[in-house]
Amino acid sequence: MNKFLLILIVLLISCKEEKSFADDIVLSFPKGEKMRIEKFNTDSFDFGSNLVYKGFSKDTIQIKYYQDINWIPVPPAVGQKQQSSFILNQSLLPYFYKQPFQGISSKNVKVTDDLNSENIEIIVKEKDTIPLYKLRNDKVVSFKSYAVFIKNISAKQLKINTDYLRYSSPFIKNKDDKWQKVLNTRYAVNSCIPPAFPSFFTLEPNELFIIAIPYFAGKGQKQFKIKIDSATSKIYKSSINEQIMNSQRKEILE
């Protein structure tokens, strides 16, 4: 009996998930926040990125989003100043940073580092719901999402393509048993039109960034994972309507 109990305890300990760096970070937002699932392909007029934070670890980080990634302002009319931000209403500042996130432009097509499990770690908190704020028709809307933490675990500065911030979406195991990148929209397709000047951002050793992934509509459970270059997160389960996977503008497989 004692041997049996000992084996059971060892098995329970081995099955327990190891503590990650993300477990020490609290993402703060107002209690009672009203959130809803974002319907597929309804974001054509939405403003706001999915980037919550970039910097070093803190005990508490307020949920707030960058307006856009590599935002290019509309040229000013004659006699007017250049607009530096689309947020001019102070009431929006609790939800969005005042300035967009600007990457570093480069004429060098291959300027970024190859990312893998030895230089970045990806932690997914798929069971912890956070709000994803968007500006829609001049009103702030809040969608149910979960946080993904990406940390530089190497000893050197990393240069990362800003596309990973603009098109943050998971790979999902499809009906053909293949990993397929699935977006909650048909309006954007990453790598559809390569930019004239690829841009990147830097991530120092131990620095991290946090992005929000919206939950999909639907009840069918699928296997998900987040992938950046060769680095992948754990495989986790979440819900999605099969029709969303079949309605992608472009099939992107691993």
Protein backbone atom coordinates (compact mmCIF):
# COMPACT_ATOMS: atom_id res chain seq x y z
CA MET A 1 0.00 0.00 0.00
CA ASN A 2 2.81 2.42 0.92
CA LYS A 3 4.54 1.76 -2.41
CA PHE A 4 1.29 2.39 -4.26
CA LEU A 5 0.78 5.72 -2.49
CA LEU A 6 4.37 6.73 -3.24
CA ILE A 7 3.94 5.96 -6.95
CA LEU A 8 0.64 7.91 -7.01
CA ILE A 9 2.25 10.96 -5.39
CA VAL A 10 5.14 10.89 -7.88
CA LEU A 11 2.70 10.70 -10.78
CA LEU A 12 0.64 13.61 -9.45
CA ILE A 13 3.74 15.76 -9.01
CA SER A 14 5.00 14.96 -12.52
CA CYS A 15 1.60 15.82 -14.03
CA LYS A 16 1.49 19.23 -12.33
CA GLU A 17 2.35 22.07 -14.71
CA GLU A 18 5.60 23.85 -14.05
CA LYS A 19 5.44 27.48 -13.01
CA SER A 20 6.22 29.88 -15.86
CA PHE A 21 7.46 33.46 -15.95
CA ALA A 22 3.96 34.57 -16.95
CA ASP A 23 2.46 33.27 -13.70
CA ASP A 24 4.04 36.18 -11.81
CA ILE A 25 2.37 38.82 -14.02
CA VAL A 26 -1.14 40.08 -13.26
CA LEU A 27 -3.03 41.63 -16.18
CA SER A 28 -5.29 44.29 -14.70
CA PHE A 29 -8.63 45.53 -16.06
CA PRO A 30 -11.86 46.88 -14.49
CA LYS A 31 -14.00 44.37 -12.64
CA GLY A 32 -17.33 43.66 -14.27
CA GLU A 33 -15.97 44.43 -17.74
CA LYS A 34 -18.64 43.51 -20.28
CA MET A 35 -17.13 41.37 -23.04
CA ARG A 36 -18.50 39.39 -25.94
CA ILE A 37 -17.21 36.96 -28.54
CA GLU A 38 -16.17 38.75 -31.72
CA LYS A 39 -18.11 37.42 -34.70
CA PHE A 40 -16.14 36.26 -37.72
CA ASN A 41 -15.27 38.89 -40.34
CA THR A 42 -16.88 41.86 -38.60
CA ASP A 43 -13.72 43.92 -38.04
CA SER A 44 -13.42 45.83 -41.32
CA PHE A 45 -13.78 49.22 -39.63
CA ASP A 46 -12.09 48.40 -36.32
CA PHE A 47 -9.10 50.37 -35.04
CA GLY A 48 -6.59 49.09 -32.52
CA SER A 49 -3.92 46.40 -32.45
CA ASN A 50 -3.68 43.24 -30.34
CA LEU A 51 -0.43 44.33 -28.68
CA VAL A 52 -0.92 44.82 -24.93
CA TYR A 53 2.62 45.45 -23.75
CA LYS A 54 6.30 45.42 -24.66
CA GLY A 55 8.93 45.76 -21.96
CA PHE A 56 10.35 44.01 -18.95
CA SER A 57 8.33 41.96 -16.49
CA LYS A 58 6.16 43.75 -13.93
CA ASP A 59 3.99 42.44 -11.11
CA THR A 60 0.94 44.16 -12.64
CA ILE A 61 0.32 45.33 -16.20
CA GLN A 62 -2.79 47.31 -17.14
CA ILE A 63 -4.71 45.98 -20.13
CA LYS A 64 -4.24 48.68 -22.75
CA TYR A 65 -3.55 48.42 -26.46
CA TYR A 66 -1.36 50.13 -29.02
CA GLN A 67 -3.46 51.92 -31.61
CA ASP A 68 -1.76 50.25 -34.54
CA ILE A 69 1.47 48.63 -35.72
CA ASN A 70 3.55 50.72 -38.14
CA TRP A 71 0.68 53.14 -38.58
CA ILE A 72 1.07 55.50 -41.54
CA PRO A 73 -0.90 58.73 -40.95
CA VAL A 74 -3.03 60.28 -43.67
CA PRO A 75 -1.25 63.29 -45.25
CA PRO A 76 -2.56 66.53 -43.69
CA ALA A 77 -4.74 68.95 -45.59
CA VAL A 78 -3.26 72.26 -46.64
CA GLY A 79 -2.72 74.46 -43.60
CA GLN A 80 -3.14 71.61 -41.09
CA LYS A 81 -0.54 69.85 -38.94
CA GLN A 82 0.47 66.22 -39.43
CA GLN A 83 -1.69 63.94 -37.30
CA SER A 84 0.50 61.85 -34.99
CA SER A 85 -2.28 59.68 -33.60
CA PHE A 86 -5.83 58.70 -34.51
CA ILE A 87 -6.79 59.00 -30.85
CA LEU A 88 -7.69 62.63 -30.24
CA ASN A 89 -10.37 61.97 -27.62
CA GLN A 90 -8.93 61.82 -24.09
CA SER A 91 -11.70 59.44 -23.00
CA LEU A 92 -10.09 56.70 -25.12
CA LEU A 93 -6.72 56.81 -23.34
CA PRO A 94 -7.70 54.26 -20.63
CA TYR A 95 -8.04 51.72 -23.46
CA PHE A 96 -5.27 52.69 -25.89
CA TYR A 97 -1.76 54.08 -25.74
CA LYS A 98 -1.56 57.57 -27.15
CA GLN A 99 0.91 56.60 -29.86
CA PRO A 100 1.00 53.61 -32.24
CA PHE A 101 3.79 51.03 -32.12
CA GLN A 102 6.44 51.89 -34.69
CA GLY A 103 8.86 49.28 -35.95
CA ILE A 104 12.26 49.97 -37.45
CA SER A 105 12.22 50.05 -41.25
CA SER A 106 14.99 48.34 -43.17
CA LYS A 107 15.88 47.89 -46.83
CA ASN A 108 17.49 44.61 -45.88
CA VAL A 109 14.93 41.86 -46.57
CA LYS A 110 16.65 39.44 -44.18
CA VAL A 111 17.35 41.52 -41.11
CA THR A 112 15.45 39.58 -38.45
CA ASP A 113 16.69 36.72 -36.30
CA ASP A 114 15.60 33.12 -36.69
CA LEU A 115 13.41 32.44 -33.68
CA ASN A 116 13.22 29.06 -31.97
CA SER A 117 12.68 27.46 -28.57
CA GLU A 118 16.24 28.29 -27.57
CA ASN A 119 15.85 32.06 -27.83
CA ILE A 120 12.17 32.74 -27.11
CA GLU A 121 9.57 31.17 -24.84
CA ILE A 122 5.85 31.34 -25.62
CA ILE A 123 3.33 31.00 -22.80
CA VAL A 124 -0.40 30.84 -23.54
CA LYS A 125 -3.00 31.64 -20.87
CA GLU A 126 -5.99 30.28 -22.77
CA LYS A 127 -8.16 29.85 -19.67
CA ASP A 128 -7.77 33.42 -18.41
CA THR A 129 -10.17 35.78 -20.18
CA ILE A 130 -9.07 39.38 -20.76
CA PRO A 131 -10.75 42.18 -22.76
CA LEU A 132 -9.53 43.03 -26.26
CA TYR A 133 -10.47 46.66 -26.90
CA LYS A 134 -11.26 47.94 -30.38
CA LEU A 135 -12.57 51.27 -31.60
CA ARG A 136 -15.62 50.57 -33.75
CA ASN A 137 -17.81 53.37 -35.13
CA ASP A 138 -16.26 55.78 -32.62
CA LYS A 139 -17.16 53.52 -29.69
CA VAL A 140 -14.95 51.23 -27.61
CA VAL A 141 -16.02 47.58 -27.82
CA SER A 142 -14.60 44.77 -25.71
CA PHE A 143 -14.09 41.22 -26.98
CA LYS A 144 -13.27 38.08 -25.02
CA SER A 145 -9.66 37.07 -25.54
CA TYR A 146 -6.68 35.47 -23.81
CA ALA A 147 -3.07 36.56 -23.41
CA VAL A 148 0.04 35.16 -25.05
CA PHE A 149 3.39 36.03 -23.47
CA ILE A 150 6.56 35.93 -25.60
CA LYS A 151 9.91 36.37 -23.82
CA ASN A 152 13.51 36.62 -25.02
CA ILE A 153 15.28 33.87 -23.06
CA SER A 154 18.58 34.26 -24.90
CA ALA A 155 21.61 36.32 -23.94
CA LYS A 156 21.43 38.60 -26.98
CA GLN A 157 19.13 41.21 -28.45
CA LEU A 158 16.63 39.77 -30.94
CA LYS A 159 15.25 41.46 -34.05
CA ILE A 160 11.67 40.33 -34.70
CA ASN A 161 9.46 41.00 -37.71
CA THR A 162 6.56 43.31 -36.80
CA ASP A 163 4.20 41.03 -38.79
CA TYR A 164 4.07 38.86 -35.67
CA LEU A 165 2.38 41.79 -33.93
CA ARG A 166 0.07 42.74 -36.80
CA TYR A 167 -1.24 39.24 -37.57
CA SER A 168 -1.44 37.53 -34.19
CA SER A 169 -3.47 34.37 -34.65
CA PRO A 170 -3.14 30.69 -33.77
CA PHE A 171 -2.48 27.54 -35.75
CA ILE A 172 -5.31 25.02 -35.42
CA LYS A 173 -5.37 21.31 -36.24
CA ASN A 174 -7.82 21.03 -39.16
CA LYS A 175 -9.93 18.13 -40.41
CA ASP A 176 -7.02 16.91 -42.55
CA ASP A 177 -4.87 16.67 -39.41
CA LYS A 178 -2.71 19.60 -40.56
CA TRP A 179 -1.81 22.76 -38.65
CA GLN A 180 -3.60 25.68 -40.28
CA LYS A 181 -3.22 29.37 -39.40
CA VAL A 182 -6.68 30.76 -38.76
CA LEU A 183 -7.66 34.42 -38.60
CA ASN A 184 -10.98 35.74 -37.35
CA THR A 185 -11.31 37.85 -40.49
CA ARG A 186 -11.09 37.70 -44.26
CA TYR A 187 -9.90 41.30 -44.55
CA ALA A 188 -6.24 40.61 -43.79
CA VAL A 189 -3.90 37.89 -44.96
CA ASN A 190 -0.35 37.93 -43.65
CA SER A 191 2.32 37.75 -46.34
CA CYS A 192 -0.33 38.70 -48.90
CA ILE A 193 1.51 41.83 -50.01
CA PRO A 194 5.14 42.04 -48.82
CA PRO A 195 5.95 45.56 -47.57
CA ALA A 196 8.37 47.66 -49.62
CA PHE A 197 10.60 48.03 -46.56
CA PRO A 198 10.31 45.17 -44.04
CA SER A 199 10.20 46.39 -40.45
CA PHE A 200 11.30 44.85 -37.19
CA PHE A 201 11.44 45.60 -33.48
CA THR A 202 14.09 44.65 -30.94
CA LEU A 203 13.63 42.50 -27.84
CA GLU A 204 16.38 42.66 -25.24
CA PRO A 205 17.39 39.65 -23.09
CA ASN A 206 14.59 38.96 -20.55
CA GLU A 207 12.31 41.47 -22.28
CA LEU A 208 8.85 40.31 -23.34
CA PHE A 209 5.76 41.32 -25.26
CA ILE A 210 2.14 40.38 -24.69
CA ILE A 211 -0.54 39.99 -27.34
CA ALA A 212 -4.25 39.19 -27.06
CA ILE A 213 -5.83 36.38 -29.08
CA PRO A 214 -9.63 36.65 -29.40
CA TYR A 215 -11.71 33.58 -28.73
CA PHE A 216 -13.49 32.26 -31.80
CA ALA A 217 -17.23 31.76 -32.02
CA GLY A 218 -18.34 28.14 -31.82
CA LYS A 219 -18.40 25.21 -29.43
CA GLY A 220 -16.34 22.57 -31.25
CA GLN A 221 -13.08 21.86 -29.46
CA LYS A 222 -9.87 21.87 -31.51
CA GLN A 223 -6.15 21.69 -30.83
CA PHE A 224 -4.44 25.10 -30.97
CA LYS A 225 -0.88 26.38 -30.76
CA ILE A 226 0.95 29.67 -31.22
CA LYS A 227 3.94 29.63 -33.55
CA ILE A 228 6.61 32.26 -34.26
CA ASP A 229 9.18 31.05 -36.77
CA SER A 230 10.33 27.69 -35.37
CA ALA A 231 9.27 28.45 -31.79
CA THR A 232 5.94 27.00 -30.67
CA SER A 233 3.82 27.16 -27.57
CA LYS A 234 2.30 24.19 -25.85
CA ILE A 235 -0.67 22.60 -27.63
CA TYR A 236 -3.90 23.69 -25.98
CA LYS A 237 -7.62 23.26 -26.61
CA SER A 238 -10.12 25.97 -27.44
CA SER A 239 -13.40 26.35 -29.29
CA ILE A 240 -14.05 27.33 -32.90
CA ASN A 241 -16.81 26.97 -35.45
CA GLU A 242 -15.61 24.69 -38.28
CA GLN A 243 -17.13 27.12 -40.79
CA ILE A 244 -14.59 29.78 -39.75
CA MET A 245 -11.74 27.47 -40.73
CA ASN A 246 -13.41 26.72 -44.06
CA SER A 247 -13.99 30.43 -44.78
CA GLN A 248 -10.38 31.61 -44.67
CA ARG A 249 -9.40 33.86 -47.53
CA LYS A 250 -6.15 31.96 -47.95
CA GLU A 251 -5.11 28.57 -46.60
CA ILE A 252 -1.88 28.96 -44.63
CA LEU A 253 -0.43 25.66 -43.46
CA GLU A 254 2.52 25.03 -41.17
